[in-house]
Amino acid sequence: MFVSLPGLTLAIDEIEEFESVMETAQEAIENYINDRPLECKIYEIEDPDVLLWAIWALQQYAKATSREQCKQKYGTLLERHH
């Protein structure tokens, strides 16, 4: 999911769609990391590379928008779980 997300959204100027997907994914990541029940499914989230691809997707978002916008929207997620 995270591998293809930037190409399916950011590459065609669908910033809002990226943010929508990441809003759901962010909640799932928070629940997974904090050992809470998952209300939505990210396949193979327990595999370490899935979360690394999520970070890569956020890097692509920062390139498409700005580092500041990325920090404002996703900084808390990145800071809490580094």
Foldseek 3Di string as FASTA:
>chain_A
DLQCLCVVALVVPNLVVSLVVVVLVLVQVVCVVVVHDGPDDDPPPVDVVVVVSNVVSLVSSCVSPNPVVSCVSCVVVVVVPD
